[in-house]
Amino acid sequence: MLTTEDKKKITIKFQKEHEKLFKKLNVTNPYFKCKVPYMSSINQEKVIGIFKSEFDYGIDIYVQLVYTDYNPYEQKKDLYVIKKNPHYNKEYKSIGEGTNIRYEIPVDELILADEIIDLAYEDELDVEELYDDIPLSTATLRDFAAVMLKKPVSNKKWLNDIINKK
């Protein structure tokens, strides 16, 4: 069984492995976490848990998926981004209470950091400029519903902002 100290050391190691990617993203002090995917008891899909306190920082969260023993979940050790989202408490299902509230984020809604970088080089765009112009292939059913219903229910803040401006 891993101790909290062991988990911290492994998390620091994985974060260092992503340093080049963070530089390409122009992120100097990332909020990086290792997260264990699990099947949600609420809607039977693979999710990760993000605590209320983590969302309350109001910044992007960078995630590497791991097993409970902190071995990489994916051989490639992909880095994912959960964009800051002030509406997280309305958009995600929660578990727990008090200071132990955790929100379930579907794994299929995570954004691959590599895709953002690849597209920036492909189109010779600034990464910051591209960050808010994610490809259609990453759109979710929730995003489609937000557009069609003209309601800010997407997990993407920029899409909700566009809908709110109308």
C-alpha atoms as a PDB file:
ATOM      1  CA  MET A   1       0.000   0.000   0.000  1.00  0.00           C
ATOM      2  CA  LEU A   2       1.352   3.399  -0.980  1.00  0.00           C
ATOM      3  CA  THR A   3       1.732   6.101   1.628  1.00  0.00           C
ATOM      4  CA  THR A   4       0.708   9.700   1.034  1.00  0.00           C
ATOM      5  CA  GLU A   5       4.419  10.548   0.798  1.00  0.00           C
ATOM      6  CA  ASP A   6       4.933   7.855  -1.880  1.00  0.00           C
ATOM      7  CA  LYS A   7       2.019   9.268  -3.879  1.00  0.00           C
ATOM      8  CA  LYS A   8       3.455  12.794  -3.655  1.00  0.00           C
ATOM      9  CA  LYS A   9       6.845  11.590  -4.923  1.00  0.00           C
ATOM     10  CA  ILE A  10       5.289   9.738  -7.847  1.00  0.00           C
ATOM     11  CA  THR A  11       3.112  12.742  -8.710  1.00  0.00           C
ATOM     12  CA  ILE A  12       6.185  15.026  -8.740  1.00  0.00           C
ATOM     13  CA  LYS A  13       8.014  12.518 -10.964  1.00  0.00           C
ATOM     14  CA  PHE A  14       5.139  12.406 -13.460  1.00  0.00           C
ATOM     15  CA  GLN A  15       4.820  16.197 -13.454  1.00  0.00           C
ATOM     16  CA  LYS A  16       8.527  16.512 -14.292  1.00  0.00           C
ATOM     17  CA  GLU A  17       8.020  14.100 -17.185  1.00  0.00           C
ATOM     18  CA  HIS A  18       5.483  16.570 -18.627  1.00  0.00           C
ATOM     19  CA  GLU A  19       7.709  19.676 -18.223  1.00  0.00           C
ATOM     20  CA  LYS A  20       8.345  20.082 -21.972  1.00  0.00           C
ATOM     21  CA  LEU A  21       4.637  19.915 -22.654  1.00  0.00           C
ATOM     22  CA  PHE A  22       3.899  22.507 -19.963  1.00  0.00           C
ATOM     23  CA  LYS A  23       6.489  24.817 -21.559  1.00  0.00           C
ATOM     24  CA  LYS A  24       4.832  24.402 -24.966  1.00  0.00           C
ATOM     25  CA  LEU A  25       1.505  25.271 -23.334  1.00  0.00           C
ATOM     26  CA  ASN A  26       3.079  28.329 -21.659  1.00  0.00           C
ATOM     27  CA  VAL A  27       2.117  26.981 -18.230  1.00  0.00           C
ATOM     28  CA  THR A  28       4.709  27.877 -15.593  1.00  0.00           C
ATOM     29  CA  ASN A  29       3.100  26.604 -12.406  1.00  0.00           C
ATOM     30  CA  PRO A  30       0.604  23.869 -13.325  1.00  0.00           C
ATOM     31  CA  TYR A  31      -1.909  22.433 -10.906  1.00  0.00           C
ATOM     32  CA  PHE A  32      -1.066  18.789 -11.619  1.00  0.00           C
ATOM     33  CA  LYS A  33      -2.748  15.726 -10.136  1.00  0.00           C
ATOM     34  CA  CYS A  34      -2.733  11.978 -10.638  1.00  0.00           C
ATOM     35  CA  LYS A  35      -6.285  10.650 -10.796  1.00  0.00           C
ATOM     36  CA  VAL A  36      -7.662   7.108 -10.732  1.00  0.00           C
ATOM     37  CA  PRO A  37     -10.516   6.460 -13.208  1.00  0.00           C
ATOM     38  CA  TYR A  38     -13.465   4.467 -11.875  1.00  0.00           C
ATOM     39  CA  MET A  39     -16.977   3.495 -12.944  1.00  0.00           C
ATOM     40  CA  SER A  40     -19.533   5.981 -11.682  1.00  0.00           C
ATOM     41  CA  SER A  41     -22.322   4.509  -9.614  1.00  0.00           C
ATOM     42  CA  ILE A  42     -24.510   7.413 -10.742  1.00  0.00           C
ATOM     43  CA  ASN A  43     -24.419   6.998 -14.520  1.00  0.00           C
ATOM     44  CA  GLN A  44     -22.257   3.904 -15.202  1.00  0.00           C
ATOM     45  CA  GLU A  45     -19.505   5.689 -17.148  1.00  0.00           C
ATOM     46  CA  LYS A  46     -15.779   5.942 -16.494  1.00  0.00           C
ATOM     47  CA  VAL A  47     -15.015   9.090 -14.502  1.00  0.00           C
ATOM     48  CA  ILE A  48     -12.394  10.740 -12.332  1.00  0.00           C
ATOM     49  CA  GLY A  49     -13.136  12.591  -9.120  1.00  0.00           C
ATOM     50  CA  ILE A  50     -12.229  16.253  -8.697  1.00  0.00           C
ATOM     51  CA  PHE A  51     -12.752  17.696  -5.243  1.00  0.00           C
ATOM     52  CA  LYS A  52     -14.641  20.955  -4.744  1.00  0.00           C
ATOM     53  CA  SER A  53     -11.494  22.428  -3.216  1.00  0.00           C
ATOM     54  CA  GLU A  54      -9.571  21.673  -6.433  1.00  0.00           C
ATOM     55  CA  PHE A  55     -12.167  23.414  -8.615  1.00  0.00           C
ATOM     56  CA  ASP A  56     -12.266  26.331  -6.163  1.00  0.00           C
ATOM     57  CA  TYR A  57      -8.695  27.295  -7.119  1.00  0.00           C
ATOM     58  CA  GLY A  58     -10.258  28.666 -10.307  1.00  0.00           C
ATOM     59  CA  ILE A  59      -7.455  27.426 -12.585  1.00  0.00           C
ATOM     60  CA  ASP A  60      -6.963  24.686 -15.161  1.00  0.00           C
ATOM     61  CA  ILE A  61      -6.287  21.248 -13.685  1.00  0.00           C
ATOM     62  CA  TYR A  62      -3.727  19.009 -15.388  1.00  0.00           C
ATOM     63  CA  VAL A  63      -4.250  15.289 -14.903  1.00  0.00           C
ATOM     64  CA  GLN A  64      -2.429  12.050 -15.534  1.00  0.00           C
ATOM     65  CA  LEU A  65      -4.508   8.912 -15.178  1.00  0.00           C
ATOM     66  CA  VAL A  66      -3.112   6.214 -12.879  1.00  0.00           C
ATOM     67  CA  TYR A  67      -4.150   2.933 -11.285  1.00  0.00           C
ATOM     68  CA  THR A  68      -4.622   2.771  -7.512  1.00  0.00           C
ATOM     69  CA  ASP A  69      -0.970   1.677  -7.194  1.00  0.00           C
ATOM     70  CA  TYR A  70      -0.002   4.887  -9.098  1.00  0.00           C
ATOM     71  CA  ASN A  71       1.300   3.010 -12.121  1.00  0.00           C
ATOM     72  CA  PRO A  72       0.340   4.849 -15.323  1.00  0.00           C
ATOM     73  CA  TYR A  73      -3.139   4.000 -16.566  1.00  0.00           C
ATOM     74  CA  GLU A  74      -1.974   4.486 -20.128  1.00  0.00           C
ATOM     75  CA  GLN A  75       1.365   3.345 -21.469  1.00  0.00           C
ATOM     76  CA  LYS A  76       1.796   6.708 -23.201  1.00  0.00           C
ATOM     77  CA  LYS A  77       1.237   8.639 -19.934  1.00  0.00           C
ATOM     78  CA  ASP A  78      -1.078  11.164 -21.577  1.00  0.00           C
ATOM     79  CA  LEU A  79      -1.563  14.565 -19.970  1.00  0.00           C
ATOM     80  CA  TYR A  80      -5.133  15.836 -19.810  1.00  0.00           C
ATOM     81  CA  VAL A  81      -6.533  19.294 -19.132  1.00  0.00           C
ATOM     82  CA  ILE A  82      -9.705  20.141 -17.247  1.00  0.00           C
ATOM     83  CA  LYS A  83     -10.365  23.762 -18.069  1.00  0.00           C
ATOM     84  CA  LYS A  84     -11.332  26.052 -15.210  1.00  0.00           C
ATOM     85  CA  ASN A  85     -15.086  26.092 -14.942  1.00  0.00           C
ATOM     86  CA  PRO A  86     -17.042  28.339 -12.581  1.00  0.00           C
ATOM     87  CA  HIS A  87     -20.201  26.298 -13.263  1.00  0.00           C
ATOM     88  CA  TYR A  88     -18.727  22.921 -12.272  1.00  0.00           C
ATOM     89  CA  ASN A  89     -21.182  22.500  -9.398  1.00  0.00           C
ATOM     90  CA  LYS A  90     -24.132  22.713 -11.808  1.00  0.00           C
ATOM     91  CA  GLU A  91     -22.604  20.664 -14.609  1.00  0.00           C
ATOM     92  CA  TYR A  92     -21.152  17.625 -12.820  1.00  0.00           C
ATOM     93  CA  LYS A  93     -22.683  15.100 -10.455  1.00  0.00           C
ATOM     94  CA  SER A  94     -21.367  15.335  -6.906  1.00  0.00           C
ATOM     95  CA  ILE A  95     -20.674  12.766  -4.213  1.00  0.00           C
ATOM     96  CA  GLY A  96     -20.037  13.429  -0.533  1.00  0.00           C
ATOM     97  CA  GLU A  97     -20.793  16.368   1.679  1.00  0.00           C
ATOM     98  CA  GLY A  98     -19.170  19.162   3.656  1.00  0.00           C
ATOM     99  CA  THR A  99     -15.484  19.567   2.853  1.00  0.00           C
ATOM    100  CA  ASN A 100     -15.364  16.158   1.151  1.00  0.00           C
ATOM    101  CA  ILE A 101     -17.476  16.905  -1.952  1.00  0.00           C
ATOM    102  CA  ARG A 102     -16.138  15.271  -5.107  1.00  0.00           C
ATOM    103  CA  TYR A 103     -17.410  15.925  -8.650  1.00  0.00           C
ATOM    104  CA  GLU A 104     -17.377  13.160 -11.255  1.00  0.00           C
ATOM    105  CA  ILE A 105     -15.752  14.180 -14.552  1.00  0.00           C
ATOM    106  CA  PRO A 106     -16.309  11.759 -17.459  1.00  0.00           C
ATOM    107  CA  VAL A 107     -12.970  10.517 -18.800  1.00  0.00           C
ATOM    108  CA  ASP A 108     -14.227  10.935 -22.372  1.00  0.00           C
ATOM    109  CA  GLU A 109     -14.641  14.690 -21.750  1.00  0.00           C
ATOM    110  CA  LEU A 110     -10.986  15.189 -20.800  1.00  0.00           C
ATOM    111  CA  ILE A 111      -8.939  17.231 -23.283  1.00  0.00           C
ATOM    112  CA  LEU A 112      -5.581  15.781 -24.360  1.00  0.00           C
ATOM    113  CA  ALA A 113      -2.856  18.413 -23.965  1.00  0.00           C
ATOM    114  CA  ASP A 114      -0.954  16.866 -26.905  1.00  0.00           C
ATOM    115  CA  GLU A 115      -3.867  17.582 -29.245  1.00  0.00           C
ATOM    116  CA  ILE A 116      -3.751  21.260 -28.347  1.00  0.00           C
ATOM    117  CA  ILE A 117      -0.003  21.389 -29.068  1.00  0.00           C
ATOM    118  CA  ASP A 118      -0.265  19.385 -32.321  1.00  0.00           C
ATOM    119  CA  LEU A 119      -2.964  21.669 -33.659  1.00  0.00           C
ATOM    120  CA  ALA A 120      -0.993  24.778 -32.734  1.00  0.00           C
ATOM    121  CA  TYR A 121       2.024  23.595 -34.735  1.00  0.00           C
ATOM    122  CA  GLU A 122      -0.127  22.339 -37.581  1.00  0.00           C
ATOM    123  CA  ASP A 123      -1.858  25.676 -38.012  1.00  0.00           C
ATOM    124  CA  GLU A 124       1.059  27.813 -36.792  1.00  0.00           C
ATOM    125  CA  LEU A 125      -1.176  29.348 -34.153  1.00  0.00           C
ATOM    126  CA  ASP A 126      -0.344  30.616 -30.718  1.00  0.00           C
ATOM    127  CA  VAL A 127      -1.274  27.980 -28.124  1.00  0.00           C
ATOM    128  CA  GLU A 128      -3.143  30.541 -26.007  1.00  0.00           C
ATOM    129  CA  GLU A 129      -5.167  31.512 -29.071  1.00  0.00           C
ATOM    130  CA  LEU A 130      -5.962  27.867 -29.822  1.00  0.00           C
ATOM    131  CA  TYR A 131      -6.888  26.967 -26.269  1.00  0.00           C
ATOM    132  CA  ASP A 132     -10.321  28.487 -26.703  1.00  0.00           C
ATOM    133  CA  ASP A 133     -10.832  26.992 -30.185  1.00  0.00           C
ATOM    134  CA  ILE A 134     -10.931  23.266 -29.524  1.00  0.00           C
ATOM    135  CA  PRO A 135     -11.647  21.016 -32.548  1.00  0.00           C
ATOM    136  CA  LEU A 136     -15.169  19.787 -33.192  1.00  0.00           C
ATOM    137  CA  SER A 137     -14.028  16.204 -32.573  1.00  0.00           C
ATOM    138  CA  THR A 138     -13.840  17.031 -28.845  1.00  0.00           C
ATOM    139  CA  ALA A 139     -17.452  18.239 -28.711  1.00  0.00           C
ATOM    140  CA  THR A 140     -19.680  16.256 -26.409  1.00  0.00           C
ATOM    141  CA  LEU A 141     -23.387  15.569 -26.420  1.00  0.00           C
ATOM    142  CA  ARG A 142     -23.653  18.144 -23.607  1.00  0.00           C
ATOM    143  CA  ASP A 143     -21.979  20.751 -25.874  1.00  0.00           C
ATOM    144  CA  PHE A 144     -24.436  19.941 -28.668  1.00  0.00           C
ATOM    145  CA  ALA A 145     -27.367  20.257 -26.250  1.00  0.00           C
ATOM    146  CA  ALA A 146     -26.036  23.612 -25.043  1.00  0.00           C
ATOM    147  CA  VAL A 147     -25.975  24.957 -28.605  1.00  0.00           C
ATOM    148  CA  MET A 148     -29.330  23.521 -29.606  1.00  0.00           C
ATOM    149  CA  LEU A 149     -31.139  24.529 -26.398  1.00  0.00           C
ATOM    150  CA  LYS A 150     -29.299  27.870 -26.212  1.00  0.00           C
ATOM    151  CA  LYS A 151     -28.566  27.171 -22.533  1.00  0.00           C
ATOM    152  CA  PRO A 152     -25.118  27.410 -20.848  1.00  0.00           C
ATOM    153  CA  VAL A 153     -24.929  23.743 -19.817  1.00  0.00           C
ATOM    154  CA  SER A 154     -21.615  22.870 -21.474  1.00  0.00           C
ATOM    155  CA  ASN A 155     -18.504  21.976 -19.478  1.00  0.00           C
ATOM    156  CA  LYS A 156     -16.649  24.446 -21.696  1.00  0.00           C
ATOM    157  CA  LYS A 157     -16.723  27.941 -20.209  1.00  0.00           C
ATOM    158  CA  TRP A 158     -16.088  29.648 -23.557  1.00  0.00           C
ATOM    159  CA  LEU A 159     -19.123  27.927 -25.116  1.00  0.00           C
ATOM    160  CA  ASN A 160     -21.315  28.920 -22.162  1.00  0.00           C
ATOM    161  CA  ASP A 161     -20.021  32.512 -22.475  1.00  0.00           C
ATOM    162  CA  ILE A 162     -21.003  32.614 -26.163  1.00  0.00           C
ATOM    163  CA  ILE A 163     -24.474  31.289 -25.347  1.00  0.00           C
ATOM    164  CA  ASN A 164     -24.905  33.818 -22.503  1.00  0.00           C
ATOM    165  CA  LYS A 165     -24.013  36.758 -24.801  1.00  0.00           C
ATOM    166  CA  LYS A 166     -27.005  36.106 -27.075  1.00  0.00           C
END
